[in-house]
PDB file of all heavy atoms in Angstrom:
ATOM      1  N   TYR A   1     109.918 113.272  83.813  1.00  0.00           N
ATOM      2  CA  TYR A   1     111.311 113.669  83.589  1.00  0.00           C
ATOM      3  C   TYR A   1     111.407 114.848  82.618  1.00  0.00           C
ATOM      4  O   TYR A   1     112.291 115.707  82.767  1.00  0.00           O
ATOM      5  CB  TYR A   1     112.130 112.484  83.083  1.00  0.00           C
ATOM      6  CG  TYR A   1     112.483 111.491  84.168  1.00  0.00           C
ATOM      7  CD1 TYR A   1     112.179 110.146  84.036  1.00  0.00           C
ATOM      8  CD2 TYR A   1     113.143 111.910  85.314  1.00  0.00           C
ATOM      9  CE1 TYR A   1     112.516 109.231  85.018  1.00  0.00           C
ATOM     10  CE2 TYR A   1     113.485 111.009  86.319  1.00  0.00           C
ATOM     11  CZ  TYR A   1     113.174 109.662  86.168  1.00  0.00           C
ATOM     12  OH  TYR A   1     113.491 108.759  87.157  1.00  0.00           O
ATOM     13  N   ILE A   2     110.527 114.918  81.637  1.00  0.00           N
ATOM     14  CA  ILE A   2     110.509 116.076  80.739  1.00  0.00           C
ATOM     15  C   ILE A   2     110.179 117.341  81.522  1.00  0.00           C
ATOM     16  O   ILE A   2     110.788 118.397  81.308  1.00  0.00           O
ATOM     17  CB  ILE A   2     109.501 115.850  79.591  1.00  0.00           C
ATOM     18  CG1 ILE A   2     110.059 114.834  78.600  1.00  0.00           C
ATOM     19  CG2 ILE A   2     109.181 117.172  78.862  1.00  0.00           C
ATOM     20  CD1 ILE A   2     109.095 114.406  77.514  1.00  0.00           C
ATOM     21  N   GLN A   3     109.247 117.248  82.455  1.00  0.00           N
ATOM     22  CA  GLN A   3     108.902 118.405  83.280  1.00  0.00           C
ATOM     23  C   GLN A   3     110.098 118.886  84.097  1.00  0.00           C
ATOM     24  O   GLN A   3     110.254 120.093  84.327  1.00  0.00           O
ATOM     25  CB  GLN A   3     107.732 118.057  84.199  1.00  0.00           C
ATOM     26  CG  GLN A   3     106.381 118.092  83.524  1.00  0.00           C
ATOM     27  CD  GLN A   3     105.990 119.500  83.103  1.00  0.00           C
ATOM     28  OE1 GLN A   3     105.815 120.386  83.932  1.00  0.00           O
ATOM     29  NE2 GLN A   3     105.871 119.718  81.791  1.00  0.00           N
ATOM     30  N   GLU A   4     110.954 117.979  84.514  1.00  0.00           N
ATOM     31  CA  GLU A   4     112.146 118.364  85.270  1.00  0.00           C
ATOM     32  C   GLU A   4     113.105 119.208  84.428  1.00  0.00           C
ATOM     33  O   GLU A   4     113.958 119.922  84.972  1.00  0.00           O
ATOM     34  CB  GLU A   4     112.875 117.117  85.785  1.00  0.00           C
ATOM     35  CG  GLU A   4     112.106 116.392  86.889  1.00  0.00           C
ATOM     36  CD  GLU A   4     112.872 115.195  87.423  1.00  0.00           C
ATOM     37  OE1 GLU A   4     114.001 114.933  86.942  1.00  0.00           O
ATOM     38  OE2 GLU A   4     112.342 114.522  88.328  1.00  0.00           O
ATOM     39  N   GLN A   5     112.966 119.133  83.103  1.00  0.00           N
ATOM     40  CA  GLN A   5     113.815 119.925  82.203  1.00  0.00           C
ATOM     41  C   GLN A   5     113.255 121.329  81.955  1.00  0.00           C
ATOM     42  O   GLN A   5     113.856 122.118  81.226  1.00  0.00           O
ATOM     43  CB  GLN A   5     113.959 119.191  80.865  1.00  0.00           C
ATOM     44  CG  GLN A   5     114.585 117.798  80.969  1.00  0.00           C
ATOM     45  CD  GLN A   5     116.020 117.849  81.454  1.00  0.00           C
ATOM     46  OE1 GLN A   5     116.811 118.680  80.989  1.00  0.00           O
ATOM     47  NE2 GLN A   5     116.361 116.974  82.381  1.00  0.00           N
ATOM     48  N   ASN A   6     112.100 121.628  82.549  1.00  0.00           N
ATOM     49  CA  ASN A   6     111.461 122.957  82.453  1.00  0.00           C
ATOM     50  C   ASN A   6     111.275 123.451  81.009  1.00  0.00           C
ATOM     51  O   ASN A   6     111.734 124.536  80.636  1.00  0.00           O
ATOM     52  CB  ASN A   6     112.276 123.998  83.246  1.00  0.00           C
ATOM     53  CG  ASN A   6     112.312 123.691  84.719  1.00  0.00           C
ATOM     54  OD1 ASN A   6     111.286 123.428  85.331  1.00  0.00           O
ATOM     55  ND2 ASN A   6     113.505 123.710  85.302  1.00  0.00           N
ATOM     56  N   PRO A   7     110.587 122.669  80.186  1.00  0.00           N
ATOM     57  CA  PRO A   7     110.349 123.127  78.810  1.00  0.00           C
ATOM     58  C   PRO A   7     109.391 124.313  78.776  1.00  0.00           C
ATOM     59  O   PRO A   7     108.579 124.496  79.694  1.00  0.00           O
ATOM     60  CB  PRO A   7     109.729 121.903  78.139  1.00  0.00           C
ATOM     61  CG  PRO A   7     109.039 121.177  79.256  1.00  0.00           C
ATOM     62  CD  PRO A   7     109.936 121.371  80.460  1.00  0.00           C
ATOM     63  N   LYS A   8     109.477 125.097  77.722  1.00  0.00           N
ATOM     64  CA  LYS A   8     108.547 126.206  77.544  1.00  0.00           C
ATOM     65  C   LYS A   8     107.120 125.680  77.450  1.00  0.00           C
ATOM     66  O   LYS A   8     106.193 126.220  78.078  1.00  0.00           O
ATOM     67  CB  LYS A   8     108.914 126.981  76.283  1.00  0.00           C
ATOM     68  CG  LYS A   8     107.953 128.137  75.969  1.00  0.00           C
ATOM     69  CD  LYS A   8     108.362 128.827  74.667  1.00  0.00           C
ATOM     70  CE  LYS A   8     107.373 129.921  74.295  1.00  0.00           C
ATOM     71  NZ  LYS A   8     107.733 130.549  72.990  1.00  0.00           N
ATOM     72  N   SER A   9     106.927 124.652  76.631  1.00  0.00           N
ATOM     73  CA  SER A   9     105.637 123.971  76.549  1.00  0.00           C
ATOM     74  C   SER A   9     105.883 122.481  76.388  1.00  0.00           C
ATOM     75  O   SER A   9     106.938 122.052  75.900  1.00  0.00           O
ATOM     76  CB  SER A   9     104.794 124.495  75.381  1.00  0.00           C
ATOM     77  OG  SER A   9     105.322 124.063  74.141  1.00  0.00           O
ATOM     78  N   HIS A  10     104.909 121.698  76.808  1.00  0.00           N
ATOM     79  CA  HIS A  10     105.029 120.237  76.806  1.00  0.00           C
ATOM     80  C   HIS A  10     103.689 119.680  76.319  1.00  0.00           C
ATOM     81  O   HIS A  10     102.729 119.595  77.082  1.00  0.00           O
ATOM     82  CB  HIS A  10     105.357 119.759  78.225  1.00  0.00           C
ATOM     83  CG  HIS A  10     105.523 118.278  78.350  1.00  0.00           C
ATOM     84  ND1 HIS A  10     105.694 117.669  79.593  1.00  0.00           N
ATOM     85  CD2 HIS A  10     105.549 117.280  77.443  1.00  0.00           C
ATOM     86  CE1 HIS A  10     105.809 116.374  79.415  1.00  0.00           C
ATOM     87  NE2 HIS A  10     105.716 116.106  78.114  1.00  0.00           N
ATOM     88  N   THR A  11     103.627 119.359  75.043  1.00  0.00           N
ATOM     89  CA  THR A  11     102.412 118.821  74.436  1.00  0.00           C
ATOM     90  C   THR A  11     102.447 117.299  74.511  1.00  0.00           C
ATOM     91  O   THR A  11     103.421 116.678  74.064  1.00  0.00           O
ATOM     92  CB  THR A  11     102.288 119.272  72.965  1.00  0.00           C
ATOM     93  OG1 THR A  11     102.232 120.694  72.928  1.00  0.00           O
ATOM     94  CG2 THR A  11     101.031 118.687  72.326  1.00  0.00           C
ATOM     95  N   ILE A  12     101.390 116.708  75.063  1.00  0.00           N
ATOM     96  CA  ILE A  12     101.312 115.248  75.206  1.00  0.00           C
ATOM     97  C   ILE A  12     100.084 114.757  74.457  1.00  0.00           C
ATOM     98  O   ILE A  12      98.971 115.203  74.726  1.00  0.00           O
ATOM     99  CB  ILE A  12     101.227 114.827  76.685  1.00  0.00           C
ATOM    100  CG1 ILE A  12     102.393 115.417  77.486  1.00  0.00           C
ATOM    101  CG2 ILE A  12     101.218 113.299  76.796  1.00  0.00           C
ATOM    102  CD1 ILE A  12     102.312 115.174  78.975  1.00  0.00           C
ATOM    103  N   VAL A  13     100.308 113.830  73.516  1.00  0.00           N
ATOM    104  CA  VAL A  13      99.213 113.235  72.760  1.00  0.00           C
ATOM    105  C   VAL A  13      98.972 111.827  73.286  1.00  0.00           C
ATOM    106  O   VAL A  13      99.912 111.020  73.364  1.00  0.00           O
ATOM    107  CB  VAL A  13      99.518 113.180  71.256  1.00  0.00           C
ATOM    108  CG1 VAL A  13      98.283 112.715  70.486  1.00  0.00           C
ATOM    109  CG2 VAL A  13     100.000 114.520  70.742  1.00  0.00           C
ATOM    110  N   GLU A  14      97.728 111.538  73.630  1.00  0.00           N
ATOM    111  CA  GLU A  14      97.380 110.211  74.169  1.00  0.00           C
ATOM    112  C   GLU A  14      96.029 109.784  73.608  1.00  0.00           C
ATOM    113  O   GLU A  14      95.108 110.594  73.500  1.00  0.00           O
ATOM    114  CB  GLU A  14      97.346 110.241  75.699  1.00  0.00           C
ATOM    115  CG  GLU A  14      96.911 108.949  76.351  1.00  0.00           C
ATOM    116  CD  GLU A  14      97.767 107.763  75.960  1.00  0.00           C
ATOM    117  OE1 GLU A  14      99.020 107.854  76.065  1.00  0.00           O
ATOM    118  OE2 GLU A  14      97.187 106.742  75.528  1.00  0.00           O
ATOM    119  N   ILE A  15      95.912 108.505  73.273  1.00  0.00           N
ATOM    120  CA  ILE A  15      94.702 107.990  72.643  1.00  0.00           C
ATOM    121  C   ILE A  15      93.841 107.132  73.554  1.00  0.00           C
ATOM    122  O   ILE A  15      92.627 107.041  73.357  1.00  0.00           O
ATOM    123  CB  ILE A  15      95.069 107.192  71.359  1.00  0.00           C
ATOM    124  CG1 ILE A  15      93.826 106.960  70.496  1.00  0.00           C
ATOM    125  CG2 ILE A  15      95.771 105.888  71.720  1.00  0.00           C
ATOM    126  CD1 ILE A  15      94.135 106.401  69.118  1.00  0.00           C
ATOM    127  N   HIS A  16      94.435 106.483  74.559  1.00  0.00           N
ATOM    128  CA  HIS A  16      93.655 105.535  75.368  1.00  0.00           C
ATOM    129  C   HIS A  16      92.866 106.270  76.453  1.00  0.00           C
ATOM    130  O   HIS A  16      93.433 107.046  77.221  1.00  0.00           O
ATOM    131  CB  HIS A  16      94.567 104.488  76.017  1.00  0.00           C
ATOM    132  CG  HIS A  16      93.813 103.288  76.480  1.00  0.00           C
ATOM    133  ND1 HIS A  16      93.009 103.307  77.593  1.00  0.00           N
ATOM    134  CD2 HIS A  16      93.709 102.039  75.949  1.00  0.00           C
ATOM    135  CE1 HIS A  16      92.455 102.114  77.755  1.00  0.00           C
ATOM    136  NE2 HIS A  16      92.858 101.329  76.759  1.00  0.00           N
ATOM    137  N   PRO A  17      91.554 106.015  76.545  1.00  0.00           N
ATOM    138  CA  PRO A  17      90.725 106.774  77.502  1.00  0.00           C
ATOM    139  C   PRO A  17      91.137 106.582  78.957  1.00  0.00           C
ATOM    140  O   PRO A  17      91.068 107.549  79.743  1.00  0.00           O
ATOM    141  CB  PRO A  17      89.308 106.249  77.251  1.00  0.00           C
ATOM    142  CG  PRO A  17      89.475 104.961  76.513  1.00  0.00           C
ATOM    143  CD  PRO A  17      90.743 105.103  75.715  1.00  0.00           C
ATOM    144  N   GLN A  18      91.577 105.393  79.345  1.00  0.00           N
ATOM    145  CA  GLN A  18      91.983 105.181  80.735  1.00  0.00           C
ATOM    146  C   GLN A  18      93.279 105.925  81.050  1.00  0.00           C
ATOM    147  O   GLN A  18      93.438 106.469  82.143  1.00  0.00           O
ATOM    148  CB  GLN A  18      92.155 103.688  81.021  1.00  0.00           C
ATOM    149  CG  GLN A  18      90.864 102.908  81.117  1.00  0.00           C
ATOM    150  CD  GLN A  18      91.141 101.439  81.367  1.00  0.00           C
ATOM    151  OE1 GLN A  18      91.173 100.651  80.427  1.00  0.00           O
ATOM    152  NE2 GLN A  18      91.363 101.086  82.616  1.00  0.00           N
ATOM    153  N   VAL A  19      94.197 105.937  80.105  1.00  0.00           N
ATOM    154  CA  VAL A  19      95.446 106.672  80.310  1.00  0.00           C
ATOM    155  C   VAL A  19      95.170 108.165  80.355  1.00  0.00           C
ATOM    156  O   VAL A  19      95.770 108.899  81.151  1.00  0.00           O
ATOM    157  CB  VAL A  19      96.468 106.320  79.211  1.00  0.00           C
ATOM    158  CG1 VAL A  19      97.756 107.123  79.401  1.00  0.00           C
ATOM    159  CG2 VAL A  19      96.773 104.831  79.203  1.00  0.00           C
ATOM    160  N   LEU A  20      94.249 108.618  79.522  1.00  0.00           N
ATOM    161  CA  LEU A  20      93.887 110.037  79.521  1.00  0.00           C
ATOM    162  C   LEU A  20      93.341 110.484  80.869  1.00  0.00           C
ATOM    163  O   LEU A  20      93.623 111.607  81.318  1.00  0.00           O
ATOM    164  CB  LEU A  20      92.859 110.316  78.424  1.00  0.00           C
ATOM    165  CG  LEU A  20      93.414 110.534  77.022  1.00  0.00           C
ATOM    166  CD1 LEU A  20      92.326 110.432  75.973  1.00  0.00           C
ATOM    167  CD2 LEU A  20      94.149 111.870  76.920  1.00  0.00           C
ATOM    168  N   GLU A  21      92.586 109.634  81.544  1.00  0.00           N
ATOM    169  CA  GLU A  21      92.074 109.986  82.874  1.00  0.00           C
ATOM    170  C   GLU A  21      93.220 110.276  83.824  1.00  0.00           C
ATOM    171  O   GLU A  21      93.193 111.250  84.591  1.00  0.00           O
ATOM    172  CB  GLU A  21      91.211 108.846  83.423  1.00  0.00           C
ATOM    173  CG  GLU A  21      89.876 108.657  82.713  1.00  0.00           C
ATOM    174  CD  GLU A  21      89.110 107.470  83.255  1.00  0.00           C
ATOM    175  OE1 GLU A  21      89.584 106.844  84.222  1.00  0.00           O
ATOM    176  OE2 GLU A  21      88.022 107.175  82.702  1.00  0.00           O
ATOM    177  N   ARG A  22      94.259 109.448  83.787  1.00  0.00           N
ATOM    178  CA  ARG A  22      95.409 109.634  84.660  1.00  0.00           C
ATOM    179  C   ARG A  22      96.264 110.823  84.220  1.00  0.00           C
ATOM    180  O   ARG A  22      96.814 111.551  85.049  1.00  0.00           O
ATOM    181  CB  ARG A  22      96.230 108.342  84.702  1.00  0.00           C
ATOM    182  CG  ARG A  22      95.393 107.144  85.176  1.00  0.00           C
ATOM    183  CD  ARG A  22      96.122 105.833  84.997  1.00  0.00           C
ATOM    184  NE  ARG A  22      97.096 105.588  86.051  1.00  0.00           N
ATOM    185  CZ  ARG A  22      96.851 104.964  87.199  1.00  0.00           C
ATOM    186  NH1 ARG A  22      95.633 104.512  87.456  1.00  0.00           N
ATOM    187  NH2 ARG A  22      97.790 104.779  88.089  1.00  0.00           N
ATOM    188  N   LEU A  23      96.347 111.029  82.918  1.00  0.00           N
ATOM    189  CA  LEU A  23      97.077 112.181  82.394  1.00  0.00           C
ATOM    190  C   LEU A  23      96.426 113.485  82.833  1.00  0.00           C
ATOM    191  O   LEU A  23      97.121 114.438  83.224  1.00  0.00           O
ATOM    192  CB  LEU A  23      97.135 112.093  80.867  1.00  0.00           C
ATOM    193  CG  LEU A  23      97.638 113.321  80.098  1.00  0.00           C
ATOM    194  CD1 LEU A  23      98.996 113.778  80.585  1.00  0.00           C
ATOM    195  CD2 LEU A  23      97.686 113.013  78.600  1.00  0.00           C
ATOM    196  N   ASP A  24      95.099 113.557  82.806  1.00  0.00           N
ATOM    197  CA  ASP A  24      94.398 114.773  83.220  1.00  0.00           C
ATOM    198  C   ASP A  24      94.715 115.123  84.673  1.00  0.00           C
ATOM    199  O   ASP A  24      94.915 116.296  85.013  1.00  0.00           O
ATOM    200  CB  ASP A  24      92.886 114.594  83.044  1.00  0.00           C
ATOM    201  CG  ASP A  24      92.453 114.619  81.585  1.00  0.00           C
ATOM    202  OD1 ASP A  24      93.192 115.155  80.751  1.00  0.00           O
ATOM    203  OD2 ASP A  24      91.369 114.087  81.287  1.00  0.00           O
ATOM    204  N   ILE A  25      94.756 114.108  85.523  1.00  0.00           N
ATOM    205  CA  ILE A  25      95.080 114.333  86.940  1.00  0.00           C
ATOM    206  C   ILE A  25      96.520 114.812  87.079  1.00  0.00           C
ATOM    207  O   ILE A  25      96.820 115.772  87.795  1.00  0.00           O
ATOM    208  CB  ILE A  25      94.840 113.045  87.742  1.00  0.00           C
ATOM    209  CG1 ILE A  25      93.346 112.693  87.751  1.00  0.00           C
ATOM    210  CG2 ILE A  25      95.359 113.198  89.175  1.00  0.00           C
ATOM    211  CD1 ILE A  25      93.037 111.321  88.313  1.00  0.00           C
ATOM    212  N   TRP A  26      97.437 114.139  86.384  1.00  0.00           N
ATOM    213  CA  TRP A  26      98.862 114.481  86.445  1.00  0.00           C
ATOM    214  C   TRP A  26      99.112 115.914  85.973  1.00  0.00           C
ATOM    215  O   TRP A  26      99.968 116.628  86.516  1.00  0.00           O
ATOM    216  CB  TRP A  26      99.626 113.479  85.585  1.00  0.00           C
ATOM    217  CG  TRP A  26     101.097 113.715  85.453  1.00  0.00           C
ATOM    218  CD1 TRP A  26     102.088 113.243  86.263  1.00  0.00           C
ATOM    219  CD2 TRP A  26     101.751 114.476  84.424  1.00  0.00           C
ATOM    220  NE1 TRP A  26     103.315 113.665  85.820  1.00  0.00           N
ATOM    221  CE2 TRP A  26     103.140 114.425  84.685  1.00  0.00           C
ATOM    222  CE3 TRP A  26     101.311 115.190  83.317  1.00  0.00           C
ATOM    223  CZ2 TRP A  26     104.073 115.057  83.870  1.00  0.00           C
ATOM    224  CZ3 TRP A  26     102.237 115.831  82.510  1.00  0.00           C
ATOM    225  CH2 TRP A  26     103.605 115.752  82.791  1.00  0.00           C
ATOM    226  N   ALA A  27      98.369 116.354  84.947  1.00  0.00           N
ATOM    227  CA  ALA A  27      98.631 117.648  84.312  1.00  0.00           C
ATOM    228  C   ALA A  27      97.997 118.842  85.031  1.00  0.00           C
ATOM    229  O   ALA A  27      98.306 119.989  84.685  1.00  0.00           O
ATOM    230  CB  ALA A  27      98.136 117.615  82.862  1.00  0.00           C
ATOM    231  N   LYS A  28      97.157 118.594  86.025  1.00  0.00           N
ATOM    232  CA  LYS A  28      96.386 119.679  86.657  1.00  0.00           C
ATOM    233  C   LYS A  28      97.243 120.822  87.167  1.00  0.00           C
ATOM    234  O   LYS A  28      96.866 121.990  87.057  1.00  0.00           O
ATOM    235  CB  LYS A  28      95.531 119.113  87.796  1.00  0.00           C
ATOM    236  CG  LYS A  28      94.182 118.588  87.352  1.00  0.00           C
ATOM    237  CD  LYS A  28      93.342 118.159  88.534  1.00  0.00           C
ATOM    238  CE  LYS A  28      91.951 117.683  88.092  1.00  0.00           C
ATOM    239  NZ  LYS A  28      91.122 117.247  89.238  1.00  0.00           N
ATOM    240  N   ASP A  29      98.379 120.532  87.755  1.00  0.00           N
ATOM    241  CA  ASP A  29      99.211 121.572  88.359  1.00  0.00           C
ATOM    242  C   ASP A  29     100.411 121.933  87.487  1.00  0.00           C
ATOM    243  O   ASP A  29     101.410 122.449  87.983  1.00  0.00           O
ATOM    244  CB  ASP A  29      99.684 121.125  89.749  1.00  0.00           C
ATOM    245  CG  ASP A  29     100.542 119.864  89.705  1.00  0.00           C
ATOM    246  OD1 ASP A  29     100.571 119.190  88.647  1.00  0.00           O
ATOM    247  OD2 ASP A  29     101.185 119.544  90.731  1.00  0.00           O
ATOM    248  N   LYS A  30     100.301 121.648  86.171  1.00  0.00           N
ATOM    249  CA  LYS A  30     101.423 121.900  85.261  1.00  0.00           C
ATOM    250  C   LYS A  30     100.939 122.813  84.129  1.00  0.00           C
ATOM    251  O   LYS A  30     100.488 122.322  83.085  1.00  0.00           O
ATOM    252  CB  LYS A  30     101.972 120.578  84.742  1.00  0.00           C
ATOM    253  CG  LYS A  30     102.479 119.656  85.860  1.00  0.00           C
ATOM    254  CD  LYS A  30     102.840 118.279  85.349  1.00  0.00           C
ATOM    255  CE  LYS A  30     103.349 117.410  86.491  1.00  0.00           C
ATOM    256  NZ  LYS A  30     102.306 117.134  87.505  1.00  0.00           N
ATOM    257  N   PRO A  31     101.054 124.108  84.284  1.00  0.00           N
ATOM    258  CA  PRO A  31     100.491 125.040  83.301  1.00  0.00           C
ATOM    259  C   PRO A  31     101.133 125.000  81.926  1.00  0.00           C
ATOM    260  O   PRO A  31     100.548 125.487  80.953  1.00  0.00           O
ATOM    261  CB  PRO A  31     100.687 126.413  83.963  1.00  0.00           C
ATOM    262  CG  PRO A  31     101.777 126.213  84.955  1.00  0.00           C
ATOM    263  CD  PRO A  31     101.645 124.805  85.445  1.00  0.00           C
ATOM    264  N   ASN A  32     102.319 124.438  81.806  1.00  0.00           N
ATOM    265  CA  ASN A  32     102.974 124.375  80.493  1.00  0.00           C
ATOM    266  C   ASN A  32     102.596 123.113  79.711  1.00  0.00           C
ATOM    267  O   ASN A  32     103.080 122.909  78.592  1.00  0.00           O
ATOM    268  CB  ASN A  32     104.499 124.455  80.633  1.00  0.00           C
ATOM    269  CG  ASN A  32     105.094 123.263  81.370  1.00  0.00           C
ATOM    270  OD1 ASN A  32     104.395 122.572  82.116  1.00  0.00           O
ATOM    271  ND2 ASN A  32     106.378 123.028  81.176  1.00  0.00           N
ATOM    272  N   VAL A  33     101.727 122.271  80.291  1.00  0.00           N
ATOM    273  CA  VAL A  33     101.329 121.018  79.623  1.00  0.00           C
ATOM    274  C   VAL A  33     100.071 121.239  78.787  1.00  0.00           C
ATOM    275  O   VAL A  33      99.090 121.824  79.261  1.00  0.00           O
ATOM    276  CB  VAL A  33     101.099 119.890  80.654  1.00  0.00           C
ATOM    277  CG1 VAL A  33     100.445 118.677  79.984  1.00  0.00           C
ATOM    278  CG2 VAL A  33     102.423 119.490  81.293  1.00  0.00           C
ATOM    279  N   ILE A  34     100.123 120.772  77.565  1.00  0.00           N
ATOM    280  CA  ILE A  34      98.981 120.806  76.648  1.00  0.00           C
ATOM    281  C   ILE A  34      98.611 119.365  76.337  1.00  0.00           C
ATOM    282  O   ILE A  34      99.420 118.615  75.770  1.00  0.00           O
ATOM    283  CB  ILE A  34      99.327 121.551  75.349  1.00  0.00           C
ATOM    284  CG1 ILE A  34      99.765 122.983  75.654  1.00  0.00           C
ATOM    285  CG2 ILE A  34      98.141 121.536  74.381  1.00  0.00           C
ATOM    286  CD1 ILE A  34     100.463 123.661  74.488  1.00  0.00           C
ATOM    287  N   VAL A  35      97.409 118.948  76.711  1.00  0.00           N
ATOM    288  CA  VAL A  35      96.959 117.585  76.468  1.00  0.00           C
ATOM    289  C   VAL A  35      96.171 117.539  75.163  1.00  0.00           C
ATOM    290  O   VAL A  35      95.212 118.291  74.980  1.00  0.00           O
ATOM    291  CB  VAL A  35      96.090 117.064  77.636  1.00  0.00           C
ATOM    292  CG1 VAL A  35      95.541 115.672  77.325  1.00  0.00           C
ATOM    293  CG2 VAL A  35      96.896 117.044  78.938  1.00  0.00           C
ATOM    294  N   VAL A  36      96.592 116.645  74.274  1.00  0.00           N
ATOM    295  CA  VAL A  36      95.888 116.439  73.004  1.00  0.00           C
ATOM    296  C   VAL A  36      95.299 115.032  73.050  1.00  0.00           C
ATOM    297  O   VAL A  36      96.030 114.048  73.182  1.00  0.00           O
ATOM    298  CB  VAL A  36      96.830 116.592  71.797  1.00  0.00           C
ATOM    299  CG1 VAL A  36      96.082 116.316  70.497  1.00  0.00           C
ATOM    300  CG2 VAL A  36      97.437 117.989  71.781  1.00  0.00           C
ATOM    301  N   ARG A  37      93.980 114.953  72.916  1.00  0.00           N
ATOM    302  CA  ARG A  37      93.270 113.693  73.091  1.00  0.00           C
ATOM    303  C   ARG A  37      92.978 113.052  71.742  1.00  0.00           C
ATOM    304  O   ARG A  37      92.355 113.669  70.885  1.00  0.00           O
ATOM    305  CB  ARG A  37      91.969 113.942  73.846  1.00  0.00           C
ATOM    306  CG  ARG A  37      92.140 114.870  75.033  1.00  0.00           C
ATOM    307  CD  ARG A  37      90.808 115.298  75.621  1.00  0.00           C
ATOM    308  NE  ARG A  37      90.290 114.309  76.514  1.00  0.00           N
ATOM    309  CZ  ARG A  37      90.652 114.184  77.785  1.00  0.00           C
ATOM    310  NH1 ARG A  37      91.545 115.025  78.297  1.00  0.00           N
ATOM    311  NH2 ARG A  37      90.155 113.247  78.541  1.00  0.00           N
ATOM    312  N   GLY A  38      93.453 111.816  71.560  1.00  0.00           N
ATOM    313  CA  GLY A  38      93.143 111.100  70.338  1.00  0.00           C
ATOM    314  C   GLY A  38      94.371 110.613  69.589  1.00  0.00           C
ATOM    315  O   GLY A  38      95.474 110.546  70.132  1.00  0.00           O
ATOM    316  N   ASP A  39      94.170 110.283  68.330  1.00  0.00           N
ATOM    317  CA  ASP A  39      95.190 109.729  67.450  1.00  0.00           C
ATOM    318  C   ASP A  39      96.120 110.850  66.977  1.00  0.00           C
ATOM    319  O   ASP A  39      95.681 111.804  66.331  1.00  0.00           O
ATOM    320  CB  ASP A  39      94.489 109.056  66.265  1.00  0.00           C
ATOM    321  CG  ASP A  39      95.443 108.366  65.317  1.00  0.00           C
ATOM    322  OD1 ASP A  39      96.449 108.975  64.918  1.00  0.00           O
ATOM    323  OD2 ASP A  39      95.173 107.207  64.964  1.00  0.00           O
ATOM    324  N   TRP A  40      97.404 110.741  67.258  1.00  0.00           N
ATOM    325  CA  TRP A  40      98.352 111.812  66.908  1.00  0.00           C
ATOM    326  C   TRP A  40      98.354 112.073  65.406  1.00  0.00           C
ATOM    327  O   TRP A  40      98.466 113.236  64.981  1.00  0.00           O
ATOM    328  CB  TRP A  40      99.765 111.469  67.371  1.00  0.00           C
ATOM    329  CG  TRP A  40     100.464 110.469  66.494  1.00  0.00           C
ATOM    330  CD1 TRP A  40     100.493 109.114  66.659  1.00  0.00           C
ATOM    331  CD2 TRP A  40     101.190 110.736  65.287  1.00  0.00           C
ATOM    332  NE1 TRP A  40     101.190 108.519  65.638  1.00  0.00           N
ATOM    333  CE2 TRP A  40     101.635 109.497  64.780  1.00  0.00           C
ATOM    334  CE3 TRP A  40     101.512 111.899  64.588  1.00  0.00           C
ATOM    335  CZ2 TRP A  40     102.371 109.377  63.612  1.00  0.00           C
ATOM    336  CZ3 TRP A  40     102.251 111.790  63.410  1.00  0.00           C
ATOM    337  CH2 TRP A  40     102.685 110.546  62.931  1.00  0.00           C
TER     338      TRP A  40
END
């Protein structure tokens, strides 16, 4: 839903390794997404 708002950049912080696997797939075609891995 955040992507539907067309933000300039969208930084997502995630700590769980299994969720990160799914996040990496989701973010592949979204150039404005910045994935930060680990404890925020």
